[in-house]
Amino acid sequence: MEKKKILFAASEAAPFIKSGGLGDVIGSLPKAVSGKNCEVAVVLPLHEGVSEKVRKKLVPITHIFIPLAWRSQYCGIFKYEEKSVTWYFIDNEYYFKRGNALYGCYDDAERFAFFSTAVLEILPYIDYFPDVIHSHDWQTALVPIYYKLKYYMRPGYESIKTVFTIHNIEYQGIFDKGIVENVLGLPVEEFDNGFLEFDGRVNLMKAAVTCSDSVTTVSPSYAEEIKTPEYAHGLHDILRYEEGKLCGIINGIDQKLYDPAKDKKIFFNYSQKDMSGKAQNKEELQALVNLPKNSDIPVIGMVTRLVSHKGLDLVSCIIDELLEDDVQLVIVGTGDWKYEQFLRDKQWQYPFKLSVNIAFNSELAQKIYAGSDMFLMPSKSEPCGLAQMIALRYGTIPIVRKTGGLGDSISRYDAESGEGNGFVFSDYNAQEMLGVIRAACDCYRDKEKWTKLIENGMNVDFSWKKSAKEYNKLYDALMGE
């Protein structure tokens, strides 16, 4: 049987360039999907932050000029080959030489309109006409839009199917009407007839949902949540209307990258067969963050953005009550100034119980995964979440709110049966969260139960294998197989 060809289009991917969870997904999912029945390629912007080590391995294919409204813009095409995936990089320094600023530039609409056009224009030059183009988040929402409006009748393009994945519905690619002709190069009628328009403005995510053959999101629960006003940031009616082509497939993690037996960023390596290094990591973490060394005190870790929707408002409400208990809390992250300052003040008040590290520090994050006993994720919404999966991989028990992928990946611990892999609260309520944290701390003091709980968590398979099978089924269905 001939291999099906899948082309991923995304704005970032680890290890080349990454700002968050999207980069982790695109760094792992294409490799997981690739196999004996599937050939996979990925197109990325050649951001300035791509390392010199990678750049030396890029093979130039050619350069072309991309039509974009009244512009004709240079597009260099480079190739980076791995065993299972071929990566193509789109070079244009005007758009992508922005230091570490992947997003948030004044001309983001133009930058990603250029990139999305390039994804479609380069196909003859790389000799790769895919069966499916799989685009991710608003930055590549224009790929299915342009395909629908401009490319589907071109020779070689006729039978391509489009998949669009929503990683976070909060960011929809919303712009003023004035960009339609001048930047996107589309007829203003496509706004006036309602295709590009939503709530009086251009909404790229809305249009991509409307015109893609399939729409996915990153967990089954999130797929249901975004059909409601509470979670959809305005798009609930659109998603309910299009729910026949919407499904949720939970993300995985790279279990080779997140492996306590081999991780070079942690103090001591350990495995499920020999957990002695876990206690040593805890002791070293306590020393590193200037907390008293004490194996009997549960250490609760948080690696998070310090913003309300990550649950920092709940943490703020109960932090005094929590720190009156016999616990230690270690937090790393950056975010809203009010939470940064609040936590600094609390650290001064509780110097032997609270360590606050206002930084984006991946090495410290790994040490927290390995050295903590529990990992707190009280999110108001969480499309999938990877941190809870990583925590379990390191034998650290998650305490989560039941939302999105947190609810799909963490099952409530039952003290009587011994089943479950974490602690879960349902309502977005600070006192309910505090009660669950205290229940986790009580369980921690029963070493037999705690050991069994760690075993449960480390036995869960959060690799990409299962998710990749679901995506392959989706691609097959779109192709009529």
Protein backbone atom coordinates (compact mmCIF):
# COMPACT_ATOMS: atom_id res chain seq x y z
CA MET A 1 0.00 0.00 0.00
CA GLU A 2 1.30 3.46 -0.91
CA LYS A 3 2.23 5.62 2.04
CA LYS A 4 -0.07 8.51 2.84
CA LYS A 5 1.70 11.86 2.91
CA ILE A 6 1.08 14.27 5.78
CA LEU A 7 2.40 17.84 5.90
CA PHE A 8 2.39 19.66 9.23
CA ALA A 9 2.42 23.47 9.22
CA ALA A 10 3.27 25.19 12.49
CA SER A 11 4.97 28.28 13.87
CA GLU A 12 7.34 26.49 16.26
CA ALA A 13 8.75 23.07 17.13
CA ALA A 14 11.20 21.74 19.69
CA PRO A 15 14.13 21.44 19.63
CA PHE A 16 14.52 24.04 16.88
CA ILE A 17 12.51 26.89 18.41
CA LYS A 18 9.85 26.85 21.10
CA SER A 19 7.83 29.18 23.30
CA GLY A 20 5.43 26.71 24.91
CA GLY A 21 3.36 23.56 24.60
CA LEU A 22 2.77 23.94 20.86
CA GLY A 23 6.52 23.60 20.30
CA ASP A 24 6.61 20.41 22.37
CA VAL A 25 3.72 18.91 20.39
CA ILE A 26 5.15 19.71 16.95
CA GLY A 27 8.53 18.44 18.08
CA SER A 28 7.04 15.04 18.94
CA LEU A 29 3.77 14.35 17.10
CA PRO A 30 5.14 14.22 13.51
CA LYS A 31 7.72 11.62 14.56
CA ALA A 32 5.04 9.57 16.31
CA VAL A 33 2.69 9.71 13.29
CA SER A 34 5.45 8.73 10.86
CA GLY A 35 5.75 5.03 10.17
CA LYS A 36 5.50 2.28 7.60
CA ASN A 37 2.18 3.61 6.28
CA CYS A 38 2.83 7.33 6.70
CA GLU A 39 5.38 9.78 5.29
CA VAL A 40 5.64 13.04 7.23
CA ALA A 41 7.12 16.48 6.55
CA VAL A 42 6.89 19.70 8.58
CA VAL A 43 7.13 23.35 7.48
CA LEU A 44 8.40 25.93 9.99
CA PRO A 45 9.51 29.56 9.85
CA LEU A 46 13.28 29.99 10.06
CA HIS A 47 13.15 32.12 13.20
CA GLU A 48 16.25 33.99 14.28
CA GLY A 49 16.39 31.85 17.43
CA VAL A 50 17.12 28.65 15.48
CA SER A 51 20.62 27.68 16.62
CA GLU A 52 23.76 27.94 14.53
CA LYS A 53 24.26 24.19 15.07
CA VAL A 54 20.97 23.49 13.27
CA ARG A 55 21.60 26.13 10.60
CA LYS A 56 24.85 24.41 9.59
CA LYS A 57 22.84 21.28 8.79
CA LEU A 58 20.22 23.04 6.66
CA VAL A 59 20.35 22.15 2.97
CA PRO A 60 19.26 24.96 0.60
CA ILE A 61 16.60 23.83 -1.90
CA THR A 62 15.87 27.03 -3.80
CA HIS A 63 14.36 30.46 -3.35
CA ILE A 64 11.12 31.81 -4.78
CA PHE A 65 9.02 34.92 -4.44
CA ILE A 66 5.72 34.74 -2.56
CA PRO A 67 2.71 36.79 -3.71
CA LEU A 68 1.05 38.53 -0.77
CA ALA A 69 -1.57 41.16 -1.69
CA TRP A 70 0.44 43.80 -3.61
CA ARG A 71 3.77 42.42 -2.36
CA SER A 72 6.20 39.93 -3.80
CA GLN A 73 8.37 38.66 -0.95
CA TYR A 74 11.55 36.58 -0.95
CA CYS A 75 11.19 33.02 0.37
CA GLY A 76 14.22 30.82 0.94
CA ILE A 77 13.49 27.10 1.25
CA PHE A 78 15.78 24.95 3.38
CA LYS A 79 15.63 21.28 4.24
CA TYR A 80 16.63 19.43 7.42
CA GLU A 81 16.39 15.66 7.26
CA GLU A 82 15.89 13.21 10.09
CA LYS A 83 15.31 9.48 9.87
CA SER A 84 11.52 9.69 10.22
CA VAL A 85 10.60 13.32 9.41
CA THR A 86 11.72 15.89 6.85
CA TRP A 87 11.69 19.49 8.08
CA TYR A 88 11.40 22.46 5.73
CA PHE A 89 12.29 25.97 6.91
CA ILE A 90 10.94 29.14 5.32
CA ASP A 91 13.52 31.91 5.33
CA ASN A 92 12.68 35.62 5.24
CA GLU A 93 14.65 37.80 7.64
CA TYR A 94 12.23 40.72 7.34
CA TYR A 95 9.50 38.58 8.92
CA PHE A 96 11.42 36.16 11.11
CA LYS A 97 14.57 37.92 12.28
CA ARG A 98 12.90 39.18 15.46
CA GLY A 99 15.19 37.87 18.20
CA ASN A 100 13.16 35.77 20.63
CA ALA A 101 9.86 37.42 19.64
CA LEU A 102 8.03 34.58 17.92
CA TYR A 103 4.72 36.40 18.41
CA GLY A 104 3.38 39.73 19.57
CA CYS A 105 4.84 41.84 16.77
CA TYR A 106 2.86 44.71 15.24
CA ASP A 107 2.73 42.90 11.88
CA ASP A 108 1.86 39.36 13.01
CA ALA A 109 -1.03 39.18 10.53
CA GLU A 110 1.34 39.87 7.64
CA ARG A 111 4.11 37.62 8.96
CA PHE A 112 1.87 34.59 9.23
CA ALA A 113 -0.06 35.37 6.04
CA PHE A 114 3.33 35.21 4.31
CA PHE A 115 4.22 31.96 6.05
CA SER A 116 0.84 30.34 5.32
CA THR A 117 1.09 31.31 1.65
CA ALA A 118 4.61 29.91 1.54
CA VAL A 119 3.43 26.55 2.94
CA LEU A 120 1.20 26.15 -0.12
CA GLU A 121 3.48 27.78 -2.71
CA ILE A 122 6.54 25.60 -1.96
CA LEU A 123 4.87 22.24 -2.66
CA PRO A 124 6.01 21.95 -6.31
CA TYR A 125 9.54 23.07 -5.36
CA ILE A 126 9.95 20.45 -2.65
CA ASP A 127 8.15 17.85 -4.78
CA TYR A 128 5.79 16.99 -1.95
CA PHE A 129 2.05 17.11 -2.60
CA PRO A 130 0.52 15.78 0.62
CA ASP A 131 -2.72 13.90 1.11
CA VAL A 132 -3.35 15.95 4.27
CA ILE A 133 -2.10 19.35 5.43
CA HIS A 134 -2.36 19.58 9.20
CA SER A 135 -2.22 23.18 10.53
CA HIS A 136 -1.89 24.27 14.13
CA ASP A 137 -3.37 27.30 15.93
CA TRP A 138 -4.15 30.73 14.48
CA GLN A 139 -0.65 31.32 13.10
CA THR A 140 -1.33 28.74 10.38
CA ALA A 141 -5.12 29.13 10.19
CA LEU A 142 -4.67 30.81 6.81
CA VAL A 143 -3.34 27.57 5.28
CA PRO A 144 -6.79 25.91 5.02
CA ILE A 145 -8.34 29.32 4.27
CA TYR A 146 -6.01 30.02 1.34
CA TYR A 147 -6.35 26.43 0.15
CA LYS A 148 -10.13 26.75 0.08
CA LEU A 149 -10.15 30.13 -1.66
CA LYS A 150 -7.13 30.04 -3.97
CA TYR A 151 -5.34 26.69 -4.36
CA TYR A 152 -7.72 23.74 -4.44
CA MET A 153 -8.08 23.78 -8.25
CA ARG A 154 -4.37 23.99 -9.06
CA PRO A 155 -2.76 20.90 -10.66
CA GLY A 156 -1.48 18.60 -7.92
CA TYR A 157 -3.48 20.35 -5.20
CA GLU A 158 -6.95 19.03 -6.06
CA SER A 159 -7.31 16.18 -3.56
CA ILE A 160 -5.57 17.63 -0.48
CA LYS A 161 -7.55 17.39 2.77
CA THR A 162 -7.09 19.91 5.58
CA VAL A 163 -6.97 19.40 9.35
CA PHE A 164 -6.85 22.30 11.80
CA THR A 165 -5.89 21.83 15.46
CA ILE A 166 -6.85 24.25 18.22
CA HIS A 167 -4.20 24.17 20.93
CA ASN A 168 -5.57 27.17 22.81
CA ILE A 169 -8.82 28.80 21.75
CA GLU A 170 -8.02 31.99 23.65
CA TYR A 171 -5.74 33.12 20.82
CA GLN A 172 -7.79 33.31 17.62
CA GLY A 173 -5.93 35.60 15.22
CA ILE A 174 -8.27 38.60 15.49
CA PHE A 175 -7.53 41.68 13.36
CA ASP A 176 -9.28 44.71 11.88
CA LYS A 177 -11.13 44.47 8.57
CA GLY A 178 -8.49 46.63 6.86
CA ILE A 179 -6.05 43.70 6.56
CA VAL A 180 -8.31 41.63 4.28
CA GLU A 181 -7.24 43.09 0.93
CA ASN A 182 -4.07 44.96 1.89
CA VAL A 183 -2.38 42.20 3.95
CA LEU A 184 -4.14 38.91 3.36
CA GLY A 185 -4.65 39.53 -0.34
CA LEU A 186 -8.25 38.33 -0.25
CA PRO A 187 -11.39 39.95 -1.66
CA VAL A 188 -13.23 42.11 0.85
CA GLU A 189 -16.36 40.14 -0.08
CA GLU A 190 -14.97 37.23 1.97
CA PHE A 191 -15.33 39.47 5.01
CA ASP A 192 -18.66 40.98 4.02
CA ASN A 193 -20.22 37.55 3.39
CA GLY A 194 -19.28 36.41 6.92
CA PHE A 195 -16.55 33.90 6.05
CA LEU A 196 -13.63 35.84 7.60
CA GLU A 197 -15.79 38.06 9.80
CA PHE A 198 -16.74 37.38 13.39
CA ASP A 199 -18.08 39.99 15.76
CA GLY A 200 -17.13 42.81 13.37
CA ARG A 201 -13.48 41.80 12.95
CA VAL A 202 -11.36 39.31 11.04
CA ASN A 203 -11.14 36.04 12.98
CA LEU A 204 -8.73 33.57 11.38
CA MET A 205 -9.46 30.69 13.74
CA LYS A 206 -13.20 30.95 13.09
CA ALA A 207 -12.66 30.85 9.31
CA ALA A 208 -10.25 27.90 9.58
CA VAL A 209 -12.78 25.94 11.65
CA THR A 210 -15.43 26.67 9.03
CA CYS A 211 -13.43 25.58 5.99
CA SER A 212 -11.21 22.72 7.25
CA ASP A 213 -12.21 19.14 6.56
CA SER A 214 -11.55 18.20 10.18
CA VAL A 215 -10.97 20.17 13.39
CA THR A 216 -9.20 18.69 16.38
CA THR A 217 -8.20 19.90 19.78
CA VAL A 218 -5.80 18.55 22.35
CA SER A 219 -8.04 16.58 24.71
CA PRO A 220 -11.52 15.04 24.57
CA SER A 221 -12.77 17.15 27.50
CA TYR A 222 -11.52 20.37 25.94
CA ALA A 223 -13.36 19.48 22.73
CA GLU A 224 -16.58 19.47 24.77
CA GLU A 225 -15.68 22.52 26.85
CA ILE A 226 -15.02 24.78 23.87
CA LYS A 227 -18.60 24.29 22.73
CA THR A 228 -19.70 26.25 25.82
CA PRO A 229 -19.57 30.03 26.46
CA GLU A 230 -17.41 29.56 29.56
CA TYR A 231 -14.44 28.21 27.58
CA ALA A 232 -14.88 29.16 23.92
CA HIS A 233 -13.95 32.87 24.01
CA GLY A 234 -16.94 33.57 21.80
CA LEU A 235 -16.67 30.69 19.31
CA HIS A 236 -19.07 28.26 21.03
CA ASP A 237 -21.89 28.66 18.49
CA ILE A 238 -19.49 28.11 15.57
CA LEU A 239 -18.03 24.99 17.18
CA ARG A 240 -21.45 23.60 18.03
CA TYR A 241 -22.48 24.13 14.41
CA GLU A 242 -19.31 22.37 13.20
CA GLU A 243 -19.23 19.71 15.94
CA GLY A 244 -19.60 16.91 13.38
CA LYS A 245 -16.00 17.45 12.33
CA LEU A 246 -14.62 18.30 15.82
CA CYS A 247 -12.82 15.76 17.98
CA GLY A 248 -10.37 15.80 20.88
CA ILE A 249 -7.15 13.77 20.85
CA ILE A 250 -5.07 14.11 23.98
CA ASN A 251 -1.42 15.11 23.65
CA GLY A 252 1.43 12.93 24.79
CA ILE A 253 4.96 13.63 25.99
CA ASP A 254 8.36 12.58 24.73
CA GLN A 255 9.15 9.84 27.25
CA LYS A 256 12.78 9.67 26.13
CA LEU A 257 13.24 13.37 26.84
CA TYR A 258 11.43 13.18 30.18
CA ASP A 259 13.09 10.15 31.71
CA PRO A 260 14.31 10.31 35.32
CA ALA A 261 16.71 7.45 34.60
CA LYS A 262 18.60 9.52 32.00
CA ASP A 263 17.74 13.19 32.60
CA LYS A 264 20.98 15.17 32.90
CA LYS A 265 19.23 18.21 34.39
CA ILE A 266 18.29 16.52 37.68
CA PHE A 267 20.63 15.89 40.61
CA PHE A 268 20.37 12.08 40.71
CA ASN A 269 18.94 9.64 38.21
CA TYR A 270 16.42 7.05 39.34
CA SER A 271 13.83 4.66 37.96
CA GLN A 272 10.72 2.86 39.12
CA LYS A 273 12.89 -0.14 40.01
CA ASP A 274 15.23 1.97 42.15
CA MET A 275 13.57 5.07 43.60
CA SER A 276 16.37 5.97 46.02
CA GLY A 277 17.41 8.89 43.82
CA LYS A 278 13.98 10.48 44.25
CA ALA A 279 14.67 11.22 47.93
CA GLN A 280 18.13 12.53 47.07
CA ASN A 281 16.64 14.90 44.47
CA LYS A 282 14.22 16.21 47.08
CA GLU A 283 17.02 16.91 49.54
CA GLU A 284 19.12 18.70 46.91
CA LEU A 285 16.13 20.71 45.69
CA GLN A 286 15.42 21.90 49.24
CA ALA A 287 19.03 23.02 49.56
CA LEU A 288 19.03 24.72 46.15
CA VAL A 289 15.92 26.81 46.88
CA ASN A 290 16.98 27.62 50.48
CA LEU A 291 14.40 25.52 52.29
CA PRO A 292 15.22 23.30 55.28
CA LYS A 293 16.17 19.75 54.38
CA ASN A 294 13.48 17.48 55.77
CA SER A 295 12.29 14.26 54.17
CA ASP A 296 9.15 14.16 56.31
CA ILE A 297 7.74 17.46 55.01
CA PRO A 298 5.86 17.18 51.70
CA VAL A 299 7.24 19.47 48.99
CA ILE A 300 4.64 20.87 46.59
CA GLY A 301 5.99 22.15 43.26
CA MET A 302 4.51 24.57 40.73
CA VAL A 303 6.00 25.32 37.30
CA THR A 304 3.59 27.82 35.82
CA ARG A 305 2.79 31.19 34.37
CA LEU A 306 1.83 33.45 37.23
CA VAL A 307 -1.58 34.47 35.91
CA SER A 308 -5.14 34.11 37.16
CA HIS A 309 -6.31 31.45 34.72
CA LYS A 310 -3.50 29.16 35.90
CA GLY A 311 -5.10 29.26 39.34
CA LEU A 312 -2.88 31.86 40.98
CA ASP A 313 -5.96 33.64 42.29
CA LEU A 314 -6.90 30.44 44.15
CA VAL A 315 -3.37 30.01 45.49
CA SER A 316 -3.38 33.62 46.70
CA CYS A 317 -6.61 33.03 48.63
CA ILE A 318 -5.36 30.10 50.70
CA ILE A 319 -1.59 30.49 50.81
CA ASP A 320 -1.54 31.61 54.45
CA GLU A 321 -3.71 28.68 55.55
CA LEU A 322 -1.61 26.27 53.50
CA LEU A 323 1.71 27.51 54.84
CA GLU A 324 0.47 27.20 58.42
CA ASP A 325 0.55 23.44 57.72
CA ASP A 326 3.71 21.35 57.72
CA VAL A 327 4.48 21.79 54.01
CA GLN A 328 6.96 23.44 51.67
CA LEU A 329 5.94 25.16 48.43
CA VAL A 330 8.37 25.74 45.53
CA ILE A 331 7.22 27.94 42.64
CA VAL A 332 9.00 28.84 39.40
CA GLY A 333 7.57 31.04 36.66
CA THR A 334 6.88 34.55 35.46
CA GLY A 335 3.65 36.41 34.79
CA ASP A 336 1.52 39.24 36.10
CA TRP A 337 3.38 41.71 38.26
CA LYS A 338 0.72 41.55 41.00
CA TYR A 339 1.29 37.82 41.51
CA GLU A 340 5.07 38.10 41.26
CA GLN A 341 5.09 40.79 43.95
CA PHE A 342 2.51 39.00 46.11
CA LEU A 343 4.59 35.81 46.11
CA ARG A 344 7.81 37.71 46.86
CA ASP A 345 6.09 39.25 49.88
CA LYS A 346 4.87 35.84 51.04
CA GLN A 347 8.35 34.38 50.68
CA TRP A 348 9.63 37.08 53.00
CA GLN A 349 6.83 36.17 55.44
CA TYR A 350 7.44 32.39 55.21
CA PRO A 351 11.17 32.02 54.41
CA PHE A 352 11.38 28.41 55.62
CA LYS A 353 8.26 27.20 53.82
CA LEU A 354 8.03 29.07 50.51
CA SER A 355 10.56 29.46 47.70
CA VAL A 356 9.56 31.76 44.83
CA ASN A 357 11.70 31.86 41.69
CA ILE A 358 10.55 34.54 39.25
CA ALA A 359 12.21 33.20 36.11
CA PHE A 360 11.74 31.00 33.08
CA ASN A 361 14.22 28.32 34.07
CA SER A 362 13.92 24.92 32.39
CA GLU A 363 16.71 23.35 34.46
CA LEU A 364 15.07 24.37 37.73
CA ALA A 365 11.75 23.12 36.36
CA GLN A 366 13.23 19.66 35.80
CA LYS A 367 14.64 19.66 39.32
CA ILE A 368 11.19 20.55 40.68
CA TYR A 369 9.58 17.69 38.73
CA ALA A 370 12.14 15.28 40.19
CA GLY A 371 12.50 16.71 43.69
CA SER A 372 8.90 17.53 44.64
CA ASP A 373 6.45 15.10 46.18
CA MET A 374 3.39 16.77 44.64
CA PHE A 375 2.73 19.05 41.68
CA LEU A 376 -0.04 21.65 41.85
CA MET A 377 -2.02 22.66 38.72
CA PRO A 378 -5.23 24.48 39.76
CA SER A 379 -6.03 25.85 36.29
CA LYS A 380 -9.28 27.58 35.42
CA SER A 381 -8.88 26.05 31.95
CA GLU A 382 -6.21 23.77 30.52
CA PRO A 383 -6.61 22.50 26.93
CA CYS A 384 -4.33 19.54 27.61
CA GLY A 385 -1.46 20.29 29.94
CA LEU A 386 1.85 18.46 29.75
CA ALA A 387 3.27 19.29 33.18
CA GLN A 388 1.01 16.82 35.00
CA MET A 389 2.19 14.04 32.67
CA ILE A 390 5.83 15.00 33.15
CA ALA A 391 5.34 15.11 36.94
CA LEU A 392 3.96 11.55 36.98
CA ARG A 393 6.86 10.39 34.84
CA TYR A 394 9.13 11.60 37.68
CA GLY A 395 7.04 9.98 40.44
CA THR A 396 5.57 13.32 41.55
CA ILE A 397 1.84 13.24 42.28
CA PRO A 398 -0.34 15.87 40.55
CA ILE A 399 -3.00 17.88 42.36
CA VAL A 400 -5.22 19.27 39.60
CA ARG A 401 -8.54 20.87 38.87
CA LYS A 402 -10.79 18.72 36.71
CA THR A 403 -10.73 20.67 33.44
CA GLY A 404 -9.63 19.89 29.89
CA GLY A 405 -6.72 17.50 29.63
CA LEU A 406 -6.09 17.60 33.37
CA GLY A 407 -9.34 15.72 33.91
CA ASP A 408 -8.59 13.34 31.04
CA SER A 409 -5.11 12.39 32.28
CA ILE A 410 -5.40 12.47 36.09
CA SER A 411 -7.76 10.06 37.82
CA ARG A 412 -8.85 10.73 41.40
CA TYR A 413 -7.02 8.61 43.99
CA ASP A 414 -9.25 6.28 45.98
CA ALA A 415 -7.73 5.45 49.36
CA GLU A 416 -9.82 2.29 49.79
CA SER A 417 -9.17 0.66 46.42
CA GLY A 418 -5.73 2.19 45.89
CA GLU A 419 -6.71 3.16 42.36
CA GLY A 420 -6.00 6.51 40.72
CA ASN A 421 -2.88 8.54 39.94
CA GLY A 422 -3.47 11.92 41.57
CA PHE A 423 -5.71 14.29 43.51
CA VAL A 424 -8.53 16.14 41.78
CA PHE A 425 -10.95 18.93 42.69
CA SER A 426 -13.87 19.97 40.50
CA ASP A 427 -15.14 23.44 41.39
CA TYR A 428 -12.99 26.49 40.83
CA ASN A 429 -12.90 27.10 44.57
CA ALA A 430 -9.93 27.89 46.81
CA GLN A 431 -11.23 26.05 49.88
CA GLU A 432 -12.00 22.91 47.87
CA MET A 433 -8.47 23.06 46.48
CA LEU A 434 -7.02 23.45 49.99
CA GLY A 435 -9.00 20.44 51.20
CA VAL A 436 -7.61 18.29 48.38
CA ILE A 437 -4.04 19.47 49.04
CA ARG A 438 -4.45 18.51 52.69
CA ALA A 439 -5.85 15.10 51.68
CA ALA A 440 -2.74 14.59 49.54
CA CYS A 441 -0.51 15.54 52.47
CA ASP A 442 -2.34 13.06 54.72
CA CYS A 443 -1.80 10.34 52.12
CA TYR A 444 1.88 11.29 51.89
CA ARG A 445 2.32 10.43 55.57
CA ASP A 446 1.10 6.87 54.90
CA LYS A 447 4.23 5.61 53.18
CA GLU A 448 2.66 2.37 51.97
CA LYS A 449 -0.22 4.14 50.24
CA TRP A 450 2.06 6.86 48.88
CA THR A 451 4.45 4.32 47.39
CA LYS A 452 1.54 2.57 45.68
CA LEU A 453 0.27 5.90 44.35
CA ILE A 454 3.68 6.72 42.87
CA GLU A 455 3.72 3.29 41.26
CA ASN A 456 0.30 3.90 39.74
CA GLY A 457 1.45 7.21 38.26
CA MET A 458 4.75 5.98 36.85
CA ASN A 459 2.97 3.06 35.17
CA VAL A 460 0.75 5.32 33.04
CA ASP A 461 1.80 5.46 29.39
CA PHE A 462 1.72 9.10 28.28
CA SER A 463 3.79 8.48 25.16
CA TRP A 464 2.59 9.69 21.75
CA LYS A 465 1.81 6.14 20.54
CA LYS A 466 -1.90 6.16 21.38
CA SER A 467 -2.44 9.72 20.15
CA ALA A 468 -0.56 9.01 16.92
CA LYS A 469 -2.88 6.05 16.23
CA GLU A 470 -5.89 8.35 16.65
CA TYR A 471 -4.44 10.90 14.23
CA ASN A 472 -3.64 8.19 11.70
CA LYS A 473 -7.24 6.96 11.93
CA LEU A 474 -8.42 10.52 11.31
CA TYR A 475 -6.18 10.91 8.26
CA ASP A 476 -7.36 7.56 6.89
CA ALA A 477 -11.00 8.55 7.34
CA LEU A 478 -10.45 11.82 5.49
CA MET A 479 -8.84 9.92 2.62
CA GLY A 480 -11.73 7.46 2.51
CA GLU A 481 -9.66 4.51 3.74
